[in-house]
Amino acid sequence: MKKVIIAVILMLLPLACFAQGQNSVVSANNQFASELYSRYQAKDGNIFFSPYSISSALAIAYEGARGQTADQIQAVFHFPKDNSIRRESFLNIGNEINKQDKQYRLKAANALWAQKDFTFLSDYLGLIRKYYGVNATNLDFVNDAENSRITINNWVEEQTDNKIQNLIPAGILNHMTRLVITNAIYFKGKWADRFDKNNTKEKDFKVSPGTVVRAHMMKLTDKEAKFNYAETDNLQVLEIPYEGNELSMLILLPKDNNLEAAQRAVDPEKLAELKNSLKKQRVDIYIPKFKFQAKYFMAEDLKEMGMPIAFSLLEADFSGMTGKNDLYIGEVIHQAFVDVNEEGTEASAATAAIMYAKSIVFPGTPKIFNADHPFIFIIQERASGNILFIGRVSDPTRA
């Protein structure tokens, strides 16, 4: 299947407080999102992932990395090198995500799962508890890896309203596992202007110039409502707000079925330019319903992006965790889910960074916005641009 949709979920945080540091972490996250998406965009099929979830889990690992291991992780994720800026920023972003009294549901959590008789530095555990909200739970990977796996997967399911299941497959954890770092994020929001289910009709969706599928297309043509909208030579750009007006979905619909034009816009600077060009207009909106999930085993991707040492049995240095040079990352697993329908959007994701002991190797008139062909969508909190999810739908009818 050819490419059709890119999904990017953005979180924008208030700038009144912690602006400089917070924005630097947001910028780092968005840059990583753009670079990771560029690796996946050539693949067939749907794409969806949460750069924020991946960055959060790897930031916790980064806090224990030293030397070239730390340098390479920092370069791939673009983390601020200033410890106080980076740590305070992650703390503030986490607090903002988990704030109460919202008209939408958005929450994120981190956890650390440690081999029960393996010693970690109290300074490291205290640091990640303070800034990343991480509490360590002891498990027995050595003697009971399977039940340890079930415990971690159950936590992920609970944090994501059961949308992310079996994050860590059987056989990944074993007697050499010493640490698993997890992040989970969940979002559910209703449109400020709902799509009427009676207006949803089965229509053609052009997967590619030669391939058409029948998709359930939603319709919103409220004569009273106006939406932020802009056009370029190659794109139509539309913003659809969620209830509370704090988050929105930004859709980048390429003209003439030219998805490359939309994919080139998945860049922090270009996205900012497009958002700045938006103006309130009447728009007749047609977009498909879709629901799917994706899963990635990311070790090779992260190595090729520039951090191979973290995965090296011989060279990895996470001595900031234990005081010894005795751990390396064996695998990073990421799984994400998205559901867009007449009511709104539900999205969730989880990441597990699995670390092994170093013993043996393991591997005017209304504009017509008819999204019946490839397009990009972005969900944002409308203030600073922290990307939480990014993806692509190649076929809205595929689960």
Protein backbone atom coordinates (compact mmCIF):
# COMPACT_ATOMS: atom_id res chain seq x y z
CA MET A 1 0.00 0.00 0.00
CA LYS A 2 1.18 3.51 -0.78
CA LYS A 3 1.46 6.26 1.78
CA VAL A 4 -1.64 8.14 2.72
CA ILE A 5 -1.73 9.86 6.09
CA ILE A 6 0.90 11.08 8.51
CA ALA A 7 -0.28 11.36 12.08
CA VAL A 8 1.50 13.74 14.36
CA ILE A 9 0.06 14.50 17.78
CA LEU A 10 1.43 17.71 19.24
CA MET A 11 1.30 18.95 22.78
CA LEU A 12 1.89 22.66 23.28
CA LEU A 13 2.55 23.91 26.76
CA PRO A 14 2.02 27.36 28.29
CA LEU A 15 4.97 29.66 27.79
CA ALA A 16 4.43 31.97 30.75
CA CYS A 17 6.51 29.76 33.04
CA PHE A 18 9.74 27.87 32.37
CA ALA A 19 9.66 29.13 28.78
CA GLN A 20 13.31 28.83 27.84
CA GLY A 21 14.01 25.34 29.20
CA GLN A 22 10.62 23.91 28.39
CA ASN A 23 10.78 25.12 24.81
CA SER A 24 14.23 23.59 24.37
CA VAL A 25 12.89 20.16 25.35
CA VAL A 26 9.85 20.68 23.11
CA SER A 27 12.16 21.62 20.23
CA ALA A 28 14.33 18.57 20.92
CA ASN A 29 11.32 16.28 20.94
CA ASN A 30 9.93 17.73 17.72
CA GLN A 31 13.28 17.45 15.97
CA PHE A 32 13.54 13.79 16.98
CA ALA A 33 9.95 13.26 15.76
CA SER A 34 10.82 14.68 12.36
CA GLU A 35 13.99 12.61 12.01
CA LEU A 36 12.40 9.33 13.11
CA TYR A 37 9.41 9.87 10.84
CA SER A 38 11.77 10.47 7.92
CA ARG A 39 13.16 6.95 8.50
CA TYR A 40 9.70 5.38 8.47
CA GLN A 41 8.05 7.34 5.67
CA ALA A 42 9.47 5.16 2.89
CA LYS A 43 7.80 2.07 4.36
CA ASP A 44 4.47 0.83 3.09
CA GLY A 45 1.49 0.71 5.39
CA ASN A 46 0.25 2.79 8.30
CA ILE A 47 2.66 4.56 10.62
CA PHE A 48 1.98 5.86 14.11
CA PHE A 49 4.26 6.50 17.07
CA SER A 50 4.76 8.81 20.04
CA PRO A 51 8.09 10.64 19.94
CA TYR A 52 7.33 12.04 23.39
CA SER A 53 6.97 8.54 24.87
CA ILE A 54 10.22 7.35 23.29
CA SER A 55 12.10 10.50 24.33
CA SER A 56 10.82 10.24 27.90
CA ALA A 57 11.98 6.65 28.33
CA LEU A 58 15.37 7.36 26.78
CA ALA A 59 15.80 10.53 28.87
CA ILE A 60 15.63 8.35 31.97
CA ALA A 61 18.30 6.08 30.48
CA TYR A 62 20.34 9.15 29.47
CA GLU A 63 20.46 10.32 33.09
CA GLY A 64 22.51 7.21 33.87
CA ALA A 65 24.69 7.28 30.75
CA ARG A 66 28.27 8.53 30.73
CA GLY A 67 30.97 9.37 28.19
CA GLN A 68 30.34 8.58 24.52
CA THR A 69 27.20 6.65 25.41
CA ALA A 70 25.66 9.83 26.81
CA ASP A 71 26.98 11.97 23.95
CA GLN A 72 25.36 9.78 21.31
CA ILE A 73 22.00 9.57 23.08
CA GLN A 74 22.01 13.35 23.51
CA ALA A 75 22.77 13.85 19.81
CA VAL A 76 19.97 11.54 18.62
CA PHE A 77 17.33 12.99 20.95
CA HIS A 78 18.71 16.55 20.96
CA PHE A 79 18.36 16.73 24.75
CA PRO A 80 19.50 20.02 26.32
CA LYS A 81 22.98 19.44 27.72
CA ASP A 82 22.30 21.68 30.71
CA ASN A 83 21.13 19.27 33.42
CA SER A 84 18.91 21.73 35.27
CA ILE A 85 17.17 22.92 32.08
CA ARG A 86 16.57 19.38 30.81
CA ARG A 87 15.36 17.98 34.12
CA GLU A 88 13.13 20.89 35.09
CA SER A 89 11.67 20.90 31.59
CA PHE A 90 10.69 17.24 31.68
CA LEU A 91 9.21 17.77 35.15
CA ASN A 92 7.16 20.77 34.02
CA ILE A 93 5.96 19.05 30.84
CA GLY A 94 4.93 15.99 32.82
CA ASN A 95 3.02 18.16 35.30
CA GLU A 96 1.26 19.96 32.45
CA ILE A 97 0.26 16.72 30.75
CA ASN A 98 -1.12 15.31 34.00
CA LYS A 99 -2.86 18.46 35.22
CA GLN A 100 -6.41 18.08 36.52
CA ASP A 101 -9.68 19.75 35.51
CA LYS A 102 -9.27 19.32 31.75
CA GLN A 103 -12.04 18.95 29.19
CA TYR A 104 -10.02 16.13 27.63
CA ARG A 105 -8.10 13.17 29.02
CA LEU A 106 -4.32 13.34 28.75
CA LYS A 107 -1.97 11.51 31.06
CA ALA A 108 1.56 10.11 31.02
CA ALA A 109 3.54 7.97 33.43
CA ASN A 110 7.04 6.55 33.77
CA ALA A 111 8.13 3.44 35.65
CA LEU A 112 11.37 1.61 36.36
CA TRP A 113 11.41 -2.18 36.84
CA ALA A 114 14.61 -3.47 38.46
CA GLN A 115 16.05 -6.90 39.21
CA LYS A 116 15.36 -7.31 42.92
CA ASP A 117 18.91 -8.16 44.03
CA PHE A 118 20.70 -5.78 41.65
CA THR A 119 22.01 -2.56 43.18
CA PHE A 120 21.30 0.85 41.64
CA LEU A 121 22.79 4.10 42.93
CA SER A 122 20.52 5.96 45.33
CA ASP A 123 21.50 9.24 43.64
CA TYR A 124 20.21 7.96 40.30
CA LEU A 125 16.98 6.62 41.77
CA GLY A 126 16.38 9.86 43.64
CA LEU A 127 17.05 11.99 40.55
CA ILE A 128 14.64 10.14 38.26
CA ARG A 129 12.00 10.03 41.00
CA LYS A 130 12.22 13.82 41.46
CA TYR A 131 12.25 14.91 37.82
CA TYR A 132 10.58 12.05 35.92
CA GLY A 133 8.14 10.76 38.52
CA VAL A 134 9.72 7.31 38.40
CA ASN A 135 9.25 4.83 41.21
CA ALA A 136 11.33 1.66 41.04
CA THR A 137 9.58 -1.69 41.40
CA ASN A 138 11.61 -4.80 42.10
CA LEU A 139 10.96 -7.88 39.98
CA ASP A 140 12.75 -11.21 39.60
CA PHE A 141 13.83 -11.41 35.97
CA VAL A 142 16.49 -14.01 36.81
CA ASN A 143 14.12 -16.64 38.19
CA ASP A 144 10.73 -15.56 36.81
CA ALA A 145 11.10 -13.51 33.63
CA GLU A 146 7.65 -14.45 32.33
CA ASN A 147 5.70 -13.21 35.35
CA SER A 148 7.88 -10.10 35.38
CA ARG A 149 6.89 -9.49 31.76
CA ILE A 150 3.21 -9.92 32.61
CA THR A 151 3.50 -7.44 35.48
CA ILE A 152 5.04 -4.77 33.24
CA ASN A 153 2.53 -5.37 30.44
CA ASN A 154 -0.35 -5.14 32.92
CA TRP A 155 0.94 -1.75 34.10
CA VAL A 156 1.09 -0.53 30.51
CA GLU A 157 -2.45 -1.73 29.83
CA GLU A 158 -3.73 0.05 32.94
CA GLN A 159 -2.01 3.32 32.02
CA THR A 160 -3.39 3.26 28.44
CA ASP A 161 -6.97 2.17 29.16
CA ASN A 162 -6.13 -1.28 27.77
CA LYS A 163 -5.29 0.12 24.33
CA ILE A 164 -1.64 -1.01 24.43
CA GLN A 165 -1.52 -4.74 25.14
CA ASN A 166 1.41 -7.16 25.20
CA LEU A 167 3.97 -4.39 24.72
CA ILE A 168 6.81 -6.75 25.61
CA PRO A 169 6.42 -10.08 23.77
CA ALA A 170 7.40 -13.40 25.31
CA GLY A 171 11.10 -14.19 25.12
CA ILE A 172 12.39 -10.60 25.25
CA LEU A 173 13.01 -10.64 29.01
CA ASN A 174 15.33 -13.32 30.39
CA HIS A 175 17.72 -14.12 33.22
CA MET A 176 20.14 -11.43 31.97
CA THR A 177 17.58 -8.60 32.21
CA ARG A 178 18.43 -6.13 34.96
CA LEU A 179 16.27 -3.11 34.19
CA VAL A 180 13.22 -2.11 32.12
CA ILE A 181 12.29 1.56 31.75
CA THR A 182 8.73 2.22 30.62
CA ASN A 183 6.69 5.23 29.57
CA ALA A 184 2.97 5.23 28.77
CA ILE A 185 0.85 8.08 27.40
CA TYR A 186 -2.91 8.29 26.78
CA PHE A 187 -5.13 10.94 25.14
CA LYS A 188 -8.85 11.16 24.54
CA GLY A 189 -10.60 14.31 23.38
CA LYS A 190 -13.92 15.26 21.82
CA TRP A 191 -14.23 17.66 18.90
CA ALA A 192 -15.47 21.12 19.81
CA ASP A 193 -17.78 20.76 16.77
CA ARG A 194 -18.89 17.13 16.47
CA PHE A 195 -19.32 15.27 13.23
CA ASP A 196 -22.89 14.00 12.84
CA LYS A 197 -22.83 10.21 12.48
CA ASN A 198 -25.80 10.45 10.11
CA ASN A 199 -23.60 12.37 7.68
CA THR A 200 -20.88 9.70 7.58
CA LYS A 201 -21.02 7.91 4.23
CA GLU A 202 -18.96 5.24 2.56
CA LYS A 203 -16.98 6.88 -0.22
CA ASP A 204 -13.87 6.37 -2.31
CA PHE A 205 -10.49 7.02 -0.70
CA LYS A 206 -7.60 7.21 -3.17
CA VAL A 207 -4.79 5.21 -1.55
CA SER A 208 -2.69 5.88 -4.65
CA PRO A 209 -3.41 7.02 -8.22
CA GLY A 210 -4.24 3.44 -9.18
CA THR A 211 -5.76 2.18 -5.93
CA VAL A 212 -9.12 3.15 -4.43
CA VAL A 213 -10.75 1.76 -1.28
CA ARG A 214 -14.16 2.42 0.26
CA ALA A 215 -13.77 4.39 3.52
CA HIS A 216 -16.25 5.89 5.97
CA MET A 217 -15.93 9.63 5.29
CA MET A 218 -17.13 12.03 7.99
CA LYS A 219 -18.68 15.37 7.03
CA LEU A 220 -18.82 18.71 8.88
CA THR A 221 -20.39 21.67 7.07
CA ASP A 222 -21.60 23.94 9.88
CA LYS A 223 -22.55 27.29 8.38
CA GLU A 224 -21.89 29.05 11.71
CA ALA A 225 -18.52 27.51 12.48
CA LYS A 226 -15.19 28.84 11.26
CA PHE A 227 -11.89 27.00 11.34
CA ASN A 228 -8.26 28.04 11.06
CA TYR A 229 -7.31 27.34 7.45
CA ALA A 230 -4.50 28.12 5.02
CA GLU A 231 -3.25 27.08 1.60
CA THR A 232 0.13 26.83 -0.07
CA ASP A 233 0.92 25.87 -3.65
CA ASN A 234 0.97 22.21 -2.61
CA LEU A 235 -1.08 21.93 0.58
CA GLN A 236 -4.34 22.68 2.29
CA VAL A 237 -3.92 23.19 6.03
CA LEU A 238 -6.80 22.87 8.49
CA GLU A 239 -7.01 23.07 12.29
CA ILE A 240 -9.92 21.37 14.11
CA PRO A 241 -10.16 22.16 17.85
CA TYR A 242 -11.12 19.79 20.62
CA GLU A 243 -13.41 20.66 23.53
CA GLY A 244 -11.78 23.18 25.83
CA ASN A 245 -9.93 24.76 22.91
CA GLU A 246 -6.57 23.76 24.40
CA LEU A 247 -5.84 20.97 21.92
CA SER A 248 -6.53 20.70 18.23
CA MET A 249 -5.85 18.54 15.21
CA LEU A 250 -3.83 20.09 12.42
CA ILE A 251 -4.33 18.39 9.05
CA LEU A 252 -1.95 18.81 6.12
CA LEU A 253 -3.76 17.71 2.96
CA PRO A 254 -1.58 17.62 -0.15
CA LYS A 255 -3.05 18.82 -3.41
CA ASP A 256 -3.08 16.52 -6.43
CA ASN A 257 -2.47 13.41 -4.28
CA ASN A 258 1.17 14.44 -3.84
CA LEU A 259 2.02 13.11 -0.38
CA GLU A 260 5.64 14.20 -0.70
CA ALA A 261 4.55 17.82 -0.30
CA ALA A 262 2.95 16.98 3.04
CA GLN A 263 5.88 14.87 4.20
CA ARG A 264 8.31 17.70 3.53
CA ALA A 265 6.24 19.79 5.95
CA VAL A 266 6.93 17.39 8.83
CA ASP A 267 9.69 19.67 10.03
CA PRO A 268 9.51 21.87 13.15
CA GLU A 269 10.27 25.12 11.32
CA LYS A 270 7.92 24.43 8.41
CA LEU A 271 5.13 23.39 10.77
CA ALA A 272 5.56 26.65 12.69
CA GLU A 273 5.32 28.64 9.45
CA LEU A 274 2.16 26.83 8.44
CA LYS A 275 0.54 27.38 11.83
CA ASN A 276 1.35 31.08 11.68
CA SER A 277 -0.40 31.36 8.31
CA LEU A 278 -3.75 30.01 9.55
CA LYS A 279 -6.79 32.30 9.39
CA LYS A 280 -10.44 31.78 10.42
CA GLN A 281 -12.62 30.77 7.45
CA ARG A 282 -15.70 28.72 6.68
CA VAL A 283 -14.64 25.26 5.57
CA ASP A 284 -16.66 22.23 4.49
CA ILE A 285 -14.76 19.31 6.00
CA TYR A 286 -14.62 15.68 4.83
CA ILE A 287 -12.18 13.34 6.58
CA PRO A 288 -12.13 9.54 7.00
CA LYS A 289 -12.67 7.58 10.16
CA PHE A 290 -9.70 5.35 10.96
CA LYS A 291 -8.42 3.13 13.72
CA PHE A 292 -5.15 1.20 13.85
CA GLN A 293 -2.06 0.39 15.88
CA ALA A 294 1.63 0.02 15.11
CA LYS A 295 4.60 -1.61 16.82
CA TYR A 296 8.33 -1.01 16.43
CA PHE A 297 11.45 -2.78 17.67
CA MET A 298 13.74 0.22 17.55
CA ALA A 299 17.24 -0.97 18.41
CA GLU A 300 18.48 -0.94 14.81
CA ASP A 301 16.77 2.37 14.04
CA LEU A 302 18.36 4.10 17.01
CA LYS A 303 21.77 2.62 16.23
CA GLU A 304 21.59 3.89 12.66
CA MET A 305 20.39 7.29 13.82
CA GLY A 306 23.62 7.72 15.76
CA MET A 307 23.63 5.94 19.14
CA PRO A 308 25.14 2.45 18.57
CA ILE A 309 27.30 2.52 21.70
CA ALA A 310 24.29 2.35 24.04
CA PHE A 311 23.50 -1.06 22.51
CA SER A 312 27.09 -2.31 22.63
CA LEU A 313 27.92 -5.09 25.09
CA LEU A 314 31.55 -3.97 25.19
CA GLU A 315 31.31 -0.17 24.98
CA ALA A 316 28.03 0.95 26.60
CA ASP A 317 28.55 3.03 29.75
CA PHE A 318 25.59 3.41 32.09
CA SER A 319 27.75 3.69 35.18
CA GLY A 320 25.62 6.60 36.37
CA MET A 321 22.96 4.02 37.23
CA THR A 322 25.04 1.49 39.15
CA GLY A 323 28.52 2.94 39.69
CA LYS A 324 29.84 0.19 37.43
CA ASN A 325 30.13 -0.33 33.69
CA ASP A 326 27.82 -3.35 33.71
CA LEU A 327 24.68 -2.54 31.68
CA TYR A 328 23.71 -2.00 28.05
CA ILE A 329 20.43 -1.53 26.19
CA GLY A 330 19.26 -4.70 24.48
CA GLU A 331 16.05 -3.45 22.87
CA VAL A 332 13.65 -0.50 22.73
CA ILE A 333 10.05 -1.49 21.99
CA HIS A 334 7.37 1.03 21.07
CA GLN A 335 3.66 0.47 20.42
CA ALA A 336 0.95 3.02 19.59
CA PHE A 337 -2.81 3.12 18.93
CA VAL A 338 -5.09 5.76 17.34
CA ASP A 339 -8.85 6.00 16.75
CA VAL A 340 -10.39 9.00 14.92
CA ASN A 341 -14.18 9.10 14.66
CA GLU A 342 -17.20 11.42 14.79
CA GLU A 343 -16.85 12.02 18.54
CA GLY A 344 -13.15 12.87 18.59
CA THR A 345 -9.79 11.15 18.94
CA GLU A 346 -8.30 8.50 21.21
CA ALA A 347 -4.56 7.82 21.08
CA SER A 348 -2.11 5.98 23.30
CA ALA A 349 1.46 4.72 23.21
CA ALA A 350 4.03 2.98 25.36
CA THR A 351 7.79 2.48 25.25
CA ALA A 352 10.02 -0.07 26.97
CA ALA A 353 13.80 0.30 27.09
CA ILE A 354 15.20 -3.07 28.16
CA MET A 355 18.66 -3.28 29.70
CA TYR A 356 20.76 -6.39 30.16
CA ALA A 357 23.77 -7.23 32.28
CA LYS A 358 27.07 -7.37 30.44
CA SER A 359 27.77 -11.08 30.40
CA ILE A 360 26.68 -12.57 27.08
CA VAL A 361 25.27 -10.99 23.94
CA PHE A 362 21.49 -10.81 23.17
CA PRO A 363 20.43 -9.25 20.18
CA GLY A 364 -15.03 33.07 1.14
CA THR A 365 -17.55 30.67 -0.11
CA PRO A 366 -16.75 27.70 1.97
CA LYS A 367 -13.46 26.09 1.11
CA ILE A 368 -13.89 22.43 0.22
CA PHE A 369 -11.64 20.25 2.35
CA ASN A 370 -12.22 16.74 1.03
CA ALA A 371 -9.62 14.42 2.53
CA ASP A 372 -10.24 11.50 0.19
CA HIS A 373 -6.55 11.11 -0.59
CA PRO A 374 -3.22 11.27 1.27
CA PHE A 375 -3.00 13.85 4.06
CA ILE A 376 -1.23 14.66 7.32
CA PHE A 377 -2.92 15.40 10.63
CA ILE A 378 -1.52 16.93 13.81
CA ILE A 379 -3.09 17.19 17.26
CA GLN A 380 -1.76 20.07 19.30
CA GLU A 381 -2.33 21.97 22.51
CA ARG A 382 -1.91 25.22 20.61
CA ALA A 383 0.92 27.01 22.40
CA SER A 384 4.46 25.63 21.96
CA GLY A 385 4.45 22.51 19.80
CA ASN A 386 5.59 19.41 21.76
CA ILE A 387 4.95 16.44 19.47
CA LEU A 388 3.37 13.52 21.32
CA PHE A 389 2.45 11.27 18.39
CA ILE A 390 3.42 11.09 14.74
CA GLY A 391 2.32 8.64 12.11
CA ARG A 392 0.90 7.86 8.70
CA VAL A 393 -2.22 6.08 7.52
CA SER A 394 -1.70 4.33 4.24
CA ASP A 395 -5.24 2.99 4.18
CA PRO A 396 -7.97 4.18 6.60
CA THR A 397 -9.75 0.85 6.20
CA ARG A 398 -6.83 -1.16 7.57
CA ALA A 399 -6.86 -2.01 11.27
